Amino acid sequence: MNKLTVLLGIVVLFAMVAVAQTDKTASLPKGEISFNYVNTRADFAPSEAPAFHLQGMSMDGVINLYHGLGLAGELAGEHAGQISSAGESLSLFSYMAGPRYSHPVGDRFTPYVQGLFGRVHGFDSMFPEAGGTAPSANAFAMALGGGLEVRLPHHLSLKALQADYFKTDLPNDYANHQNNFRLTTGIVFRFGK
């Protein structure tokens, strides 16, 4: 958890430095849609199993509303096979939304910070419940973090890196919450002025 705190602090510090160096001529598009690769370091039940990685895809949408403030939404699907000695796998589907603050630096770089809140659906695994186990479960999810987009030609950008603290509250017979770390990269389609 300390490494995660340090990393999130670095992302926030980077965003603050970028704000101080902003070129006032830079502008944000009205909206963005991105398609991404996601890798999550999951820590579902630390006393029972070591950490493992889920991999998958996500689709993000952002509407920039006022001076860098915007509304972001995300749909993500991830999977990991054989996460336990019993050979169980785990799949997650999350849907979250929340505020994003973006601040262009020059005409190429846009660092951002965001907080997304929503739900996660876990399936293809065994989740404890009263009287036994269930093959799926639904719970609260949130992602707090930020990233950097690099503008490319023709209304495209590269999501160079996004790093998030990704908390889920799926049942696990331990603490029923998971502190995960997630990295994302992808291609961004920008539209509107």
N, C-alpha and C. Protein backbone atom coordinates (compact mmCIF):
# COMPACT_ATOMS: atom_id res chain seq x y z
N MET A 1 0.82 -1.19 0.00
CA MET A 1 0.00 0.00 0.00
C MET A 1 0.86 1.25 0.00
N ASN A 2 2.03 1.22 0.67
CA ASN A 2 2.90 2.39 0.69
C ASN A 2 3.41 2.73 -0.70
N LYS A 3 3.75 1.73 -1.51
CA LYS A 3 4.20 1.98 -2.87
C LYS A 3 3.10 2.66 -3.68
N LEU A 4 1.86 2.21 -3.48
CA LEU A 4 0.73 2.80 -4.19
C LEU A 4 0.55 4.26 -3.80
N THR A 5 0.67 4.56 -2.52
CA THR A 5 0.54 5.94 -2.05
C THR A 5 1.62 6.82 -2.66
N VAL A 6 2.85 6.33 -2.72
CA VAL A 6 3.94 7.08 -3.32
C VAL A 6 3.68 7.32 -4.80
N LEU A 7 3.22 6.29 -5.52
CA LEU A 7 2.94 6.43 -6.95
C LEU A 7 1.83 7.44 -7.20
N LEU A 8 0.75 7.37 -6.44
CA LEU A 8 -0.34 8.33 -6.61
C LEU A 8 0.14 9.74 -6.27
N GLY A 9 1.00 9.87 -5.27
CA GLY A 9 1.57 11.18 -4.94
C GLY A 9 2.39 11.73 -6.08
N ILE A 10 3.16 10.87 -6.75
CA ILE A 10 3.97 11.30 -7.89
C ILE A 10 3.07 11.77 -9.03
N VAL A 11 1.98 11.04 -9.29
CA VAL A 11 1.04 11.43 -10.35
C VAL A 11 0.45 12.80 -10.05
N VAL A 12 0.03 13.03 -8.81
CA VAL A 12 -0.55 14.33 -8.43
C VAL A 12 0.50 15.42 -8.54
N LEU A 13 1.72 15.16 -8.09
CA LEU A 13 2.79 16.14 -8.18
C LEU A 13 3.08 16.48 -9.64
N PHE A 14 3.11 15.47 -10.50
CA PHE A 14 3.33 15.69 -11.93
C PHE A 14 2.24 16.59 -12.50
N ALA A 15 1.00 16.34 -12.11
CA ALA A 15 -0.11 17.16 -12.59
C ALA A 15 0.03 18.60 -12.12
N MET A 16 0.46 18.80 -10.88
CA MET A 16 0.62 20.15 -10.36
C MET A 16 1.75 20.89 -11.08
N VAL A 17 2.85 20.21 -11.36
CA VAL A 17 3.95 20.83 -12.10
C VAL A 17 3.48 21.19 -13.50
N ALA A 18 2.72 20.30 -14.11
CA ALA A 18 2.21 20.55 -15.46
C ALA A 18 1.31 21.77 -15.48
N VAL A 19 0.48 21.94 -14.46
CA VAL A 19 -0.40 23.10 -14.38
C VAL A 19 0.42 24.38 -14.34
N ALA A 20 1.53 24.36 -13.61
CA ALA A 20 2.37 25.55 -13.49
C ALA A 20 3.05 25.91 -14.80
N GLN A 21 3.21 24.95 -15.72
CA GLN A 21 3.91 25.19 -16.97
C GLN A 21 2.97 25.27 -18.16
N THR A 22 1.70 25.48 -17.92
CA THR A 22 0.71 25.41 -18.98
C THR A 22 0.86 26.52 -20.02
N ASP A 23 0.72 26.13 -21.27
CA ASP A 23 0.63 27.07 -22.37
C ASP A 23 -0.84 27.45 -22.49
N LYS A 24 -1.14 28.73 -22.32
CA LYS A 24 -2.54 29.18 -22.30
C LYS A 24 -3.25 29.02 -23.64
N THR A 25 -2.51 28.74 -24.72
CA THR A 25 -3.14 28.57 -26.02
C THR A 25 -3.67 27.15 -26.22
N ALA A 26 -3.27 26.22 -25.36
CA ALA A 26 -3.70 24.84 -25.51
C ALA A 26 -5.18 24.72 -25.16
N SER A 27 -5.87 23.80 -25.81
CA SER A 27 -7.29 23.62 -25.52
C SER A 27 -7.61 22.13 -25.47
N LEU A 28 -8.72 21.84 -24.84
CA LEU A 28 -9.20 20.46 -24.74
C LEU A 28 -10.32 20.26 -25.75
N PRO A 29 -10.46 19.02 -26.24
CA PRO A 29 -11.61 18.74 -27.11
C PRO A 29 -12.89 18.69 -26.28
N LYS A 30 -14.03 18.75 -26.94
CA LYS A 30 -15.31 18.62 -26.23
C LYS A 30 -15.47 17.24 -25.62
N GLY A 31 -14.93 16.23 -26.32
CA GLY A 31 -15.07 14.87 -25.82
C GLY A 31 -13.98 13.96 -26.32
N GLU A 32 -13.87 12.81 -25.67
CA GLU A 32 -12.88 11.80 -26.04
C GLU A 32 -13.47 10.41 -25.81
N ILE A 33 -13.08 9.49 -26.65
CA ILE A 33 -13.39 8.07 -26.45
C ILE A 33 -12.08 7.32 -26.61
N SER A 34 -11.76 6.43 -25.67
CA SER A 34 -10.51 5.67 -25.78
C SER A 34 -10.76 4.18 -25.63
N PHE A 35 -9.90 3.42 -26.27
CA PHE A 35 -9.91 1.96 -26.21
C PHE A 35 -8.55 1.55 -25.66
N ASN A 36 -8.56 0.74 -24.59
CA ASN A 36 -7.35 0.56 -23.80
C ASN A 36 -7.06 -0.90 -23.46
N TYR A 37 -5.77 -1.16 -23.20
CA TYR A 37 -5.32 -2.40 -22.57
C TYR A 37 -5.18 -2.11 -21.08
N VAL A 38 -5.64 -3.04 -20.24
CA VAL A 38 -5.62 -2.86 -18.78
C VAL A 38 -4.89 -4.04 -18.14
N ASN A 39 -4.03 -3.74 -17.16
CA ASN A 39 -3.37 -4.76 -16.36
C ASN A 39 -3.54 -4.38 -14.89
N THR A 40 -4.18 -5.25 -14.12
CA THR A 40 -4.45 -4.98 -12.71
C THR A 40 -3.71 -5.97 -11.83
N ARG A 41 -2.95 -5.45 -10.88
CA ARG A 41 -2.33 -6.29 -9.85
C ARG A 41 -3.36 -6.42 -8.75
N ALA A 42 -3.91 -7.61 -8.61
CA ALA A 42 -5.01 -7.85 -7.67
C ALA A 42 -4.50 -8.54 -6.41
N ASP A 43 -5.11 -8.19 -5.31
CA ASP A 43 -4.75 -8.73 -4.00
C ASP A 43 -6.06 -9.14 -3.32
N PHE A 44 -6.67 -10.23 -3.78
CA PHE A 44 -8.03 -10.56 -3.35
C PHE A 44 -8.11 -11.15 -1.95
N ALA A 45 -7.21 -12.00 -1.57
CA ALA A 45 -7.22 -12.58 -0.22
C ALA A 45 -5.77 -12.82 0.19
N PRO A 46 -5.09 -11.81 0.72
CA PRO A 46 -3.65 -11.91 0.95
C PRO A 46 -3.22 -13.07 1.82
N SER A 47 -4.06 -13.52 2.74
CA SER A 47 -3.64 -14.61 3.62
C SER A 47 -3.73 -15.97 2.93
N GLU A 48 -4.49 -16.06 1.85
CA GLU A 48 -4.73 -17.34 1.21
C GLU A 48 -3.98 -17.53 -0.11
N ALA A 49 -3.77 -16.47 -0.85
CA ALA A 49 -3.17 -16.61 -2.17
C ALA A 49 -2.29 -15.40 -2.45
N PRO A 50 -1.24 -15.59 -3.21
CA PRO A 50 -0.41 -14.44 -3.57
C PRO A 50 -1.14 -13.52 -4.55
N ALA A 51 -0.62 -12.33 -4.70
CA ALA A 51 -1.20 -11.40 -5.66
C ALA A 51 -1.09 -11.98 -7.07
N PHE A 52 -1.97 -11.56 -7.95
CA PHE A 52 -1.98 -12.04 -9.33
C PHE A 52 -2.38 -10.88 -10.23
N HIS A 53 -2.25 -11.08 -11.54
CA HIS A 53 -2.57 -10.04 -12.50
C HIS A 53 -3.77 -10.42 -13.34
N LEU A 54 -4.70 -9.49 -13.48
CA LEU A 54 -5.80 -9.62 -14.42
C LEU A 54 -5.45 -8.77 -15.64
N GLN A 55 -5.83 -9.24 -16.82
CA GLN A 55 -5.58 -8.48 -18.04
C GLN A 55 -6.89 -8.36 -18.79
N GLY A 56 -7.03 -7.25 -19.51
CA GLY A 56 -8.26 -7.07 -20.27
C GLY A 56 -8.26 -5.77 -21.05
N MET A 57 -9.47 -5.32 -21.32
CA MET A 57 -9.69 -4.13 -22.14
C MET A 57 -10.65 -3.19 -21.42
N SER A 58 -10.55 -1.91 -21.77
CA SER A 58 -11.52 -0.95 -21.26
C SER A 58 -11.86 0.05 -22.35
N MET A 59 -13.01 0.69 -22.17
CA MET A 59 -13.43 1.78 -23.04
C MET A 59 -13.80 2.94 -22.12
N ASP A 60 -13.20 4.10 -22.38
CA ASP A 60 -13.44 5.29 -21.58
C ASP A 60 -14.09 6.36 -22.45
N GLY A 61 -14.90 7.17 -21.82
CA GLY A 61 -15.45 8.35 -22.47
C GLY A 61 -15.31 9.54 -21.54
N VAL A 62 -14.99 10.70 -22.12
CA VAL A 62 -14.85 11.93 -21.33
C VAL A 62 -15.58 13.05 -22.05
N ILE A 63 -16.34 13.82 -21.29
CA ILE A 63 -16.93 15.05 -21.78
C ILE A 63 -16.30 16.18 -20.98
N ASN A 64 -15.58 17.07 -21.67
CA ASN A 64 -14.93 18.21 -21.01
C ASN A 64 -15.96 19.33 -20.91
N LEU A 65 -16.26 19.75 -19.69
CA LEU A 65 -17.35 20.68 -19.45
C LEU A 65 -16.91 22.13 -19.30
N TYR A 66 -15.90 22.37 -18.44
CA TYR A 66 -15.56 23.76 -18.13
C TYR A 66 -14.13 23.86 -17.62
N HIS A 67 -13.26 24.53 -18.37
CA HIS A 67 -11.89 24.81 -17.96
C HIS A 67 -11.15 23.60 -17.39
N GLY A 68 -11.19 22.49 -18.09
CA GLY A 68 -10.47 21.29 -17.67
C GLY A 68 -11.28 20.33 -16.83
N LEU A 69 -12.38 20.78 -16.28
CA LEU A 69 -13.24 19.89 -15.50
C LEU A 69 -14.15 19.13 -16.45
N GLY A 70 -14.25 17.84 -16.22
CA GLY A 70 -15.08 17.03 -17.09
C GLY A 70 -15.69 15.86 -16.36
N LEU A 71 -16.48 15.11 -17.08
CA LEU A 71 -17.13 13.91 -16.56
C LEU A 71 -16.58 12.73 -17.35
N ALA A 72 -16.06 11.73 -16.62
CA ALA A 72 -15.47 10.55 -17.25
C ALA A 72 -16.30 9.32 -16.91
N GLY A 73 -16.35 8.38 -17.83
CA GLY A 73 -17.00 7.10 -17.60
C GLY A 73 -16.14 5.98 -18.16
N GLU A 74 -16.25 4.81 -17.56
CA GLU A 74 -15.41 3.69 -17.99
C GLU A 74 -16.17 2.38 -17.90
N LEU A 75 -15.97 1.54 -18.90
CA LEU A 75 -16.40 0.14 -18.90
C LEU A 75 -15.15 -0.70 -19.06
N ALA A 76 -14.95 -1.69 -18.18
CA ALA A 76 -13.73 -2.50 -18.26
C ALA A 76 -14.05 -3.97 -18.02
N GLY A 77 -13.37 -4.83 -18.73
CA GLY A 77 -13.47 -6.27 -18.54
C GLY A 77 -12.08 -6.86 -18.42
N GLU A 78 -11.87 -7.70 -17.39
CA GLU A 78 -10.55 -8.28 -17.15
C GLU A 78 -10.70 -9.74 -16.74
N HIS A 79 -9.63 -10.52 -16.95
CA HIS A 79 -9.67 -11.95 -16.62
C HIS A 79 -8.29 -12.42 -16.16
N ALA A 80 -8.29 -13.35 -15.22
CA ALA A 80 -7.07 -14.05 -14.80
C ALA A 80 -7.42 -15.52 -14.62
N GLY A 81 -6.57 -16.39 -15.12
CA GLY A 81 -6.78 -17.82 -14.98
C GLY A 81 -5.93 -18.41 -13.87
N GLN A 82 -6.41 -19.46 -13.26
CA GLN A 82 -5.70 -20.20 -12.21
C GLN A 82 -5.10 -19.29 -11.14
N ILE A 83 -6.00 -18.59 -10.43
CA ILE A 83 -5.54 -17.67 -9.39
C ILE A 83 -5.33 -18.35 -8.05
N SER A 84 -5.74 -19.61 -7.93
CA SER A 84 -5.55 -20.35 -6.68
C SER A 84 -5.01 -21.74 -6.98
N SER A 85 -4.62 -22.45 -5.93
CA SER A 85 -4.11 -23.81 -6.13
C SER A 85 -5.21 -24.75 -6.61
N ALA A 86 -6.46 -24.38 -6.41
CA ALA A 86 -7.58 -25.19 -6.89
C ALA A 86 -7.87 -24.96 -8.37
N GLY A 87 -7.13 -24.04 -9.00
CA GLY A 87 -7.32 -23.79 -10.43
C GLY A 87 -8.44 -22.83 -10.76
N GLU A 88 -8.95 -22.10 -9.77
CA GLU A 88 -10.02 -21.13 -10.03
C GLU A 88 -9.51 -19.99 -10.90
N SER A 89 -10.42 -19.41 -11.66
CA SER A 89 -10.10 -18.21 -12.42
C SER A 89 -10.96 -17.07 -11.89
N LEU A 90 -10.80 -15.90 -12.42
CA LEU A 90 -11.59 -14.75 -12.00
C LEU A 90 -11.76 -13.81 -13.18
N SER A 91 -12.98 -13.36 -13.40
CA SER A 91 -13.27 -12.34 -14.40
C SER A 91 -13.99 -11.19 -13.70
N LEU A 92 -13.67 -9.98 -14.12
CA LEU A 92 -14.30 -8.79 -13.56
C LEU A 92 -14.85 -7.93 -14.69
N PHE A 93 -16.02 -7.36 -14.47
CA PHE A 93 -16.57 -6.34 -15.36
C PHE A 93 -16.94 -5.17 -14.47
N SER A 94 -16.36 -4.00 -14.74
CA SER A 94 -16.65 -2.82 -13.92
C SER A 94 -17.21 -1.70 -14.78
N TYR A 95 -18.08 -0.91 -14.17
CA TYR A 95 -18.63 0.28 -14.82
C TYR A 95 -18.63 1.39 -13.78
N MET A 96 -17.93 2.47 -14.11
CA MET A 96 -17.73 3.56 -13.16
C MET A 96 -17.79 4.91 -13.88
N ALA A 97 -18.08 5.96 -13.12
CA ALA A 97 -18.10 7.32 -13.65
C ALA A 97 -17.70 8.28 -12.55
N GLY A 98 -17.25 9.47 -12.95
CA GLY A 98 -16.89 10.47 -11.97
C GLY A 98 -16.18 11.65 -12.60
N PRO A 99 -15.68 12.56 -11.76
CA PRO A 99 -15.04 13.77 -12.27
C PRO A 99 -13.61 13.52 -12.76
N ARG A 100 -13.21 14.33 -13.74
CA ARG A 100 -11.83 14.32 -14.23
C ARG A 100 -11.39 15.76 -14.40
N TYR A 101 -10.14 16.02 -14.03
CA TYR A 101 -9.54 17.33 -14.29
C TYR A 101 -8.36 17.12 -15.22
N SER A 102 -8.40 17.77 -16.39
CA SER A 102 -7.34 17.69 -17.39
C SER A 102 -6.74 19.07 -17.57
N HIS A 103 -5.43 19.12 -17.81
CA HIS A 103 -4.77 20.41 -18.00
C HIS A 103 -3.70 20.29 -19.08
N PRO A 104 -3.97 20.80 -20.29
CA PRO A 104 -3.00 20.69 -21.37
C PRO A 104 -1.69 21.42 -21.04
N VAL A 105 -0.58 20.81 -21.45
CA VAL A 105 0.74 21.42 -21.32
C VAL A 105 1.26 21.56 -22.74
N GLY A 106 1.38 22.78 -23.22
CA GLY A 106 1.75 22.99 -24.61
C GLY A 106 0.63 22.48 -25.50
N ASP A 107 1.00 22.05 -26.69
CA ASP A 107 -0.03 21.54 -27.60
C ASP A 107 0.03 20.03 -27.76
N ARG A 108 0.89 19.34 -26.98
CA ARG A 108 1.03 17.89 -27.13
C ARG A 108 0.65 17.06 -25.92
N PHE A 109 0.85 17.56 -24.71
CA PHE A 109 0.70 16.75 -23.51
C PHE A 109 -0.49 17.21 -22.67
N THR A 110 -1.25 16.23 -22.17
CA THR A 110 -2.38 16.52 -21.29
C THR A 110 -2.36 15.56 -20.11
N PRO A 111 -1.84 16.00 -18.96
CA PRO A 111 -1.96 15.19 -17.75
C PRO A 111 -3.36 15.36 -17.17
N TYR A 112 -3.82 14.34 -16.45
CA TYR A 112 -5.16 14.41 -15.84
C TYR A 112 -5.18 13.60 -14.55
N VAL A 113 -6.13 13.96 -13.70
CA VAL A 113 -6.44 13.19 -12.49
C VAL A 113 -7.94 12.95 -12.50
N GLN A 114 -8.36 11.82 -11.91
CA GLN A 114 -9.78 11.49 -11.92
C GLN A 114 -10.15 10.61 -10.74
N GLY A 115 -11.42 10.62 -10.42
CA GLY A 115 -11.99 9.73 -9.41
C GLY A 115 -13.25 9.11 -9.98
N LEU A 116 -13.25 7.80 -10.15
CA LEU A 116 -14.39 7.09 -10.73
C LEU A 116 -15.02 6.19 -9.66
N PHE A 117 -16.34 6.13 -9.66
CA PHE A 117 -17.08 5.36 -8.66
C PHE A 117 -18.18 4.59 -9.37
N GLY A 118 -18.41 3.35 -8.95
CA GLY A 118 -19.45 2.55 -9.58
C GLY A 118 -19.52 1.15 -9.01
N ARG A 119 -19.69 0.17 -9.88
CA ARG A 119 -19.89 -1.22 -9.47
C ARG A 119 -18.93 -2.13 -10.22
N VAL A 120 -18.71 -3.30 -9.63
CA VAL A 120 -17.93 -4.34 -10.26
C VAL A 120 -18.73 -5.64 -10.17
N HIS A 121 -18.70 -6.42 -11.24
CA HIS A 121 -19.34 -7.74 -11.28
C HIS A 121 -18.23 -8.76 -11.41
N GLY A 122 -18.06 -9.61 -10.41
CA GLY A 122 -17.08 -10.68 -10.45
C GLY A 122 -17.76 -11.98 -10.85
N PHE A 123 -17.13 -12.76 -11.72
CA PHE A 123 -17.73 -14.03 -12.16
C PHE A 123 -16.63 -15.00 -12.58
N ASP A 124 -17.02 -16.21 -12.96
CA ASP A 124 -16.08 -17.30 -13.30
C ASP A 124 -15.20 -17.67 -12.12
N SER A 125 -15.74 -17.55 -10.90
CA SER A 125 -14.97 -17.85 -9.71
C SER A 125 -15.93 -18.30 -8.62
N MET A 126 -15.45 -18.42 -7.39
CA MET A 126 -16.28 -18.79 -6.25
C MET A 126 -16.22 -17.66 -5.22
N PHE A 127 -17.39 -17.12 -4.89
CA PHE A 127 -17.50 -16.04 -3.92
C PHE A 127 -18.29 -16.53 -2.71
N PRO A 128 -17.75 -16.36 -1.50
CA PRO A 128 -18.47 -16.83 -0.31
C PRO A 128 -19.75 -16.05 -0.08
N GLU A 129 -20.77 -16.77 0.38
CA GLU A 129 -22.04 -16.15 0.76
C GLU A 129 -22.65 -17.01 1.87
N ALA A 130 -23.70 -16.51 2.47
CA ALA A 130 -24.35 -17.27 3.54
C ALA A 130 -24.79 -18.63 3.00
N GLY A 131 -24.33 -19.69 3.63
CA GLY A 131 -24.73 -21.04 3.23
C GLY A 131 -23.91 -21.65 2.12
N GLY A 132 -22.77 -21.07 1.75
CA GLY A 132 -21.95 -21.70 0.70
C GLY A 132 -21.21 -20.69 -0.15
N THR A 133 -21.18 -20.99 -1.44
CA THR A 133 -20.48 -20.10 -2.38
C THR A 133 -21.38 -19.82 -3.57
N ALA A 134 -21.05 -18.76 -4.28
CA ALA A 134 -21.78 -18.38 -5.49
C ALA A 134 -20.78 -18.17 -6.62
N PRO A 135 -21.17 -18.41 -7.88
CA PRO A 135 -20.24 -18.26 -9.00
C PRO A 135 -20.03 -16.80 -9.42
N SER A 136 -20.82 -15.87 -8.83
CA SER A 136 -20.67 -14.46 -9.18
C SER A 136 -21.07 -13.58 -8.00
N ALA A 137 -20.64 -12.32 -8.05
CA ALA A 137 -20.97 -11.36 -7.00
C ALA A 137 -20.87 -9.95 -7.57
N ASN A 138 -21.62 -9.02 -6.98
CA ASN A 138 -21.60 -7.61 -7.36
C ASN A 138 -21.20 -6.79 -6.16
N ALA A 139 -20.46 -5.70 -6.39
CA ALA A 139 -19.99 -4.89 -5.26
C ALA A 139 -19.61 -3.49 -5.73
N PHE A 140 -19.33 -2.63 -4.76
CA PHE A 140 -18.84 -1.28 -4.99
C PHE A 140 -17.44 -1.33 -5.59
N ALA A 141 -17.12 -0.34 -6.44
CA ALA A 141 -15.78 -0.22 -7.00
C ALA A 141 -15.45 1.26 -7.14
N MET A 142 -14.17 1.58 -6.98
CA MET A 142 -13.72 2.95 -7.26
C MET A 142 -12.30 2.90 -7.79
N ALA A 143 -11.97 3.89 -8.62
CA ALA A 143 -10.63 4.02 -9.17
C ALA A 143 -10.20 5.47 -9.00
N LEU A 144 -9.09 5.69 -8.29
CA LEU A 144 -8.54 7.02 -8.08
C LEU A 144 -7.15 7.05 -8.68
N GLY A 145 -6.90 8.00 -9.58
CA GLY A 145 -5.58 8.05 -10.19
C GLY A 145 -5.48 9.14 -11.23
N GLY A 146 -4.59 8.93 -12.17
CA GLY A 146 -4.37 9.90 -13.22
C GLY A 146 -3.49 9.34 -14.29
N GLY A 147 -3.23 10.18 -15.29
CA GLY A 147 -2.43 9.71 -16.40
C GLY A 147 -1.95 10.83 -17.28
N LEU A 148 -1.41 10.45 -18.42
CA LEU A 148 -0.86 11.40 -19.38
C LEU A 148 -1.27 10.98 -20.78
N GLU A 149 -1.85 11.92 -21.52
CA GLU A 149 -2.17 11.71 -22.93
C GLU A 149 -1.21 12.54 -23.77
N VAL A 150 -0.77 11.95 -24.90
CA VAL A 150 0.13 12.61 -25.83
C VAL A 150 -0.61 12.76 -27.15
N ARG A 151 -0.79 14.00 -27.59
CA ARG A 151 -1.54 14.26 -28.81
C ARG A 151 -0.79 13.76 -30.03
N LEU A 152 -1.52 13.09 -30.93
CA LEU A 152 -1.02 12.60 -32.21
C LEU A 152 -1.78 13.34 -33.31
N PRO A 153 -1.38 13.21 -34.56
CA PRO A 153 -2.12 13.87 -35.64
C PRO A 153 -3.53 13.29 -35.83
N HIS A 154 -4.35 14.04 -36.51
CA HIS A 154 -5.67 13.60 -36.96
C HIS A 154 -6.62 13.24 -35.82
N HIS A 155 -6.80 14.10 -34.86
CA HIS A 155 -7.75 13.92 -33.76
C HIS A 155 -7.49 12.66 -32.94
N LEU A 156 -6.25 12.23 -32.86
CA LEU A 156 -5.88 11.06 -32.06
C LEU A 156 -4.93 11.47 -30.95
N SER A 157 -4.96 10.71 -29.87
CA SER A 157 -3.98 10.85 -28.79
C SER A 157 -3.59 9.46 -28.34
N LEU A 158 -2.43 9.37 -27.72
CA LEU A 158 -1.96 8.15 -27.10
C LEU A 158 -2.13 8.30 -25.60
N LYS A 159 -2.86 7.40 -24.98
CA LYS A 159 -2.88 7.36 -23.51
C LYS A 159 -1.59 6.66 -23.12
N ALA A 160 -0.55 7.47 -22.86
CA ALA A 160 0.77 6.92 -22.59
C ALA A 160 0.75 6.02 -21.38
N LEU A 161 0.12 6.49 -20.31
CA LEU A 161 0.01 5.68 -19.10
C LEU A 161 -1.04 6.28 -18.18
N GLN A 162 -1.83 5.42 -17.62
CA GLN A 162 -2.76 5.79 -16.56
C GLN A 162 -2.53 4.82 -15.41
N ALA A 163 -2.40 5.35 -14.20
CA ALA A 163 -2.19 4.54 -13.01
C ALA A 163 -3.31 4.83 -12.02
N ASP A 164 -3.93 3.77 -11.49
CA ASP A 164 -5.07 3.91 -10.58
C ASP A 164 -4.94 3.02 -9.36
N TYR A 165 -5.40 3.52 -8.24
CA TYR A 165 -5.74 2.68 -7.08
C TYR A 165 -7.15 2.21 -7.38
N PHE A 166 -7.35 0.89 -7.49
CA PHE A 166 -8.63 0.32 -7.89
C PHE A 166 -9.15 -0.52 -6.74
N LYS A 167 -10.13 0.01 -6.00
CA LYS A 167 -10.68 -0.67 -4.83
C LYS A 167 -11.98 -1.37 -5.21
N THR A 168 -12.09 -2.63 -4.81
CA THR A 168 -13.33 -3.38 -5.00
C THR A 168 -13.74 -3.99 -3.66
N ASP A 169 -15.02 -4.23 -3.49
CA ASP A 169 -15.55 -4.79 -2.24
C ASP A 169 -16.22 -6.14 -2.46
N LEU A 170 -15.61 -7.00 -3.25
CA LEU A 170 -16.16 -8.32 -3.50
C LEU A 170 -15.94 -9.23 -2.28
N PRO A 171 -16.90 -10.13 -2.01
CA PRO A 171 -16.73 -11.05 -0.87
C PRO A 171 -15.56 -12.00 -1.12
N ASN A 172 -14.74 -12.23 -0.05
CA ASN A 172 -13.58 -13.12 -0.21
C ASN A 172 -13.22 -13.87 1.06
N ASP A 173 -14.08 -13.88 2.06
CA ASP A 173 -13.81 -14.55 3.33
C ASP A 173 -12.58 -13.99 4.05
N TYR A 174 -12.16 -12.81 3.68
CA TYR A 174 -11.01 -12.20 4.35
C TYR A 174 -11.46 -10.87 4.94
N ALA A 175 -11.46 -9.83 4.15
CA ALA A 175 -11.92 -8.52 4.61
C ALA A 175 -13.04 -7.98 3.72
N ASN A 176 -13.36 -8.72 2.69
CA ASN A 176 -14.38 -8.33 1.72
C ASN A 176 -14.11 -6.99 1.06
N HIS A 177 -12.85 -6.65 0.91
CA HIS A 177 -12.45 -5.54 0.05
C HIS A 177 -11.05 -5.85 -0.48
N GLN A 178 -10.77 -5.29 -1.64
CA GLN A 178 -9.51 -5.56 -2.31
C GLN A 178 -8.86 -4.23 -2.69
N ASN A 179 -7.58 -4.10 -2.40
CA ASN A 179 -6.80 -2.92 -2.77
C ASN A 179 -5.93 -3.31 -3.95
N ASN A 180 -6.34 -2.89 -5.14
CA ASN A 180 -5.68 -3.29 -6.38
C ASN A 180 -4.95 -2.10 -6.99
N PHE A 181 -3.98 -2.38 -7.83
CA PHE A 181 -3.24 -1.35 -8.56
C PHE A 181 -3.40 -1.65 -10.05
N ARG A 182 -3.79 -0.62 -10.82
CA ARG A 182 -4.13 -0.83 -12.23
C ARG A 182 -3.36 0.11 -13.13
N LEU A 183 -2.81 -0.43 -14.22
CA LEU A 183 -2.14 0.36 -15.26
C LEU A 183 -2.92 0.21 -16.56
N THR A 184 -3.03 1.32 -17.29
CA THR A 184 -3.81 1.34 -18.53
C THR A 184 -3.04 2.10 -19.59
N THR A 185 -3.12 1.64 -20.84
CA THR A 185 -2.58 2.37 -21.98
C THR A 185 -3.52 2.15 -23.16
N GLY A 186 -3.59 3.12 -24.08
CA GLY A 186 -4.50 2.94 -25.19
C GLY A 186 -4.46 4.07 -26.19
N ILE A 187 -5.43 4.06 -27.09
CA ILE A 187 -5.56 5.08 -28.13
C ILE A 187 -6.83 5.89 -27.86
N VAL A 188 -6.73 7.20 -28.03
CA VAL A 188 -7.81 8.13 -27.71
C VAL A 188 -8.28 8.82 -28.99
N PHE A 189 -9.58 8.83 -29.20
CA PHE A 189 -10.19 9.56 -30.32
C PHE A 189 -10.80 10.84 -29.76
N ARG A 190 -10.34 11.99 -30.25
CA ARG A 190 -10.77 13.30 -29.75
C ARG A 190 -11.77 13.90 -30.73
N PHE A 191 -12.82 14.55 -30.22
CA PHE A 191 -13.77 15.19 -31.11
C PHE A 191 -14.28 16.50 -30.52
N GLY A 192 -14.63 17.43 -31.44
CA GLY A 192 -15.15 18.74 -31.02
C GLY A 192 -14.04 19.67 -30.56
N LYS A 193 -14.36 20.96 -30.54
CA LYS A 193 -13.40 21.97 -30.07
C LYS A 193 -13.98 22.73 -28.90
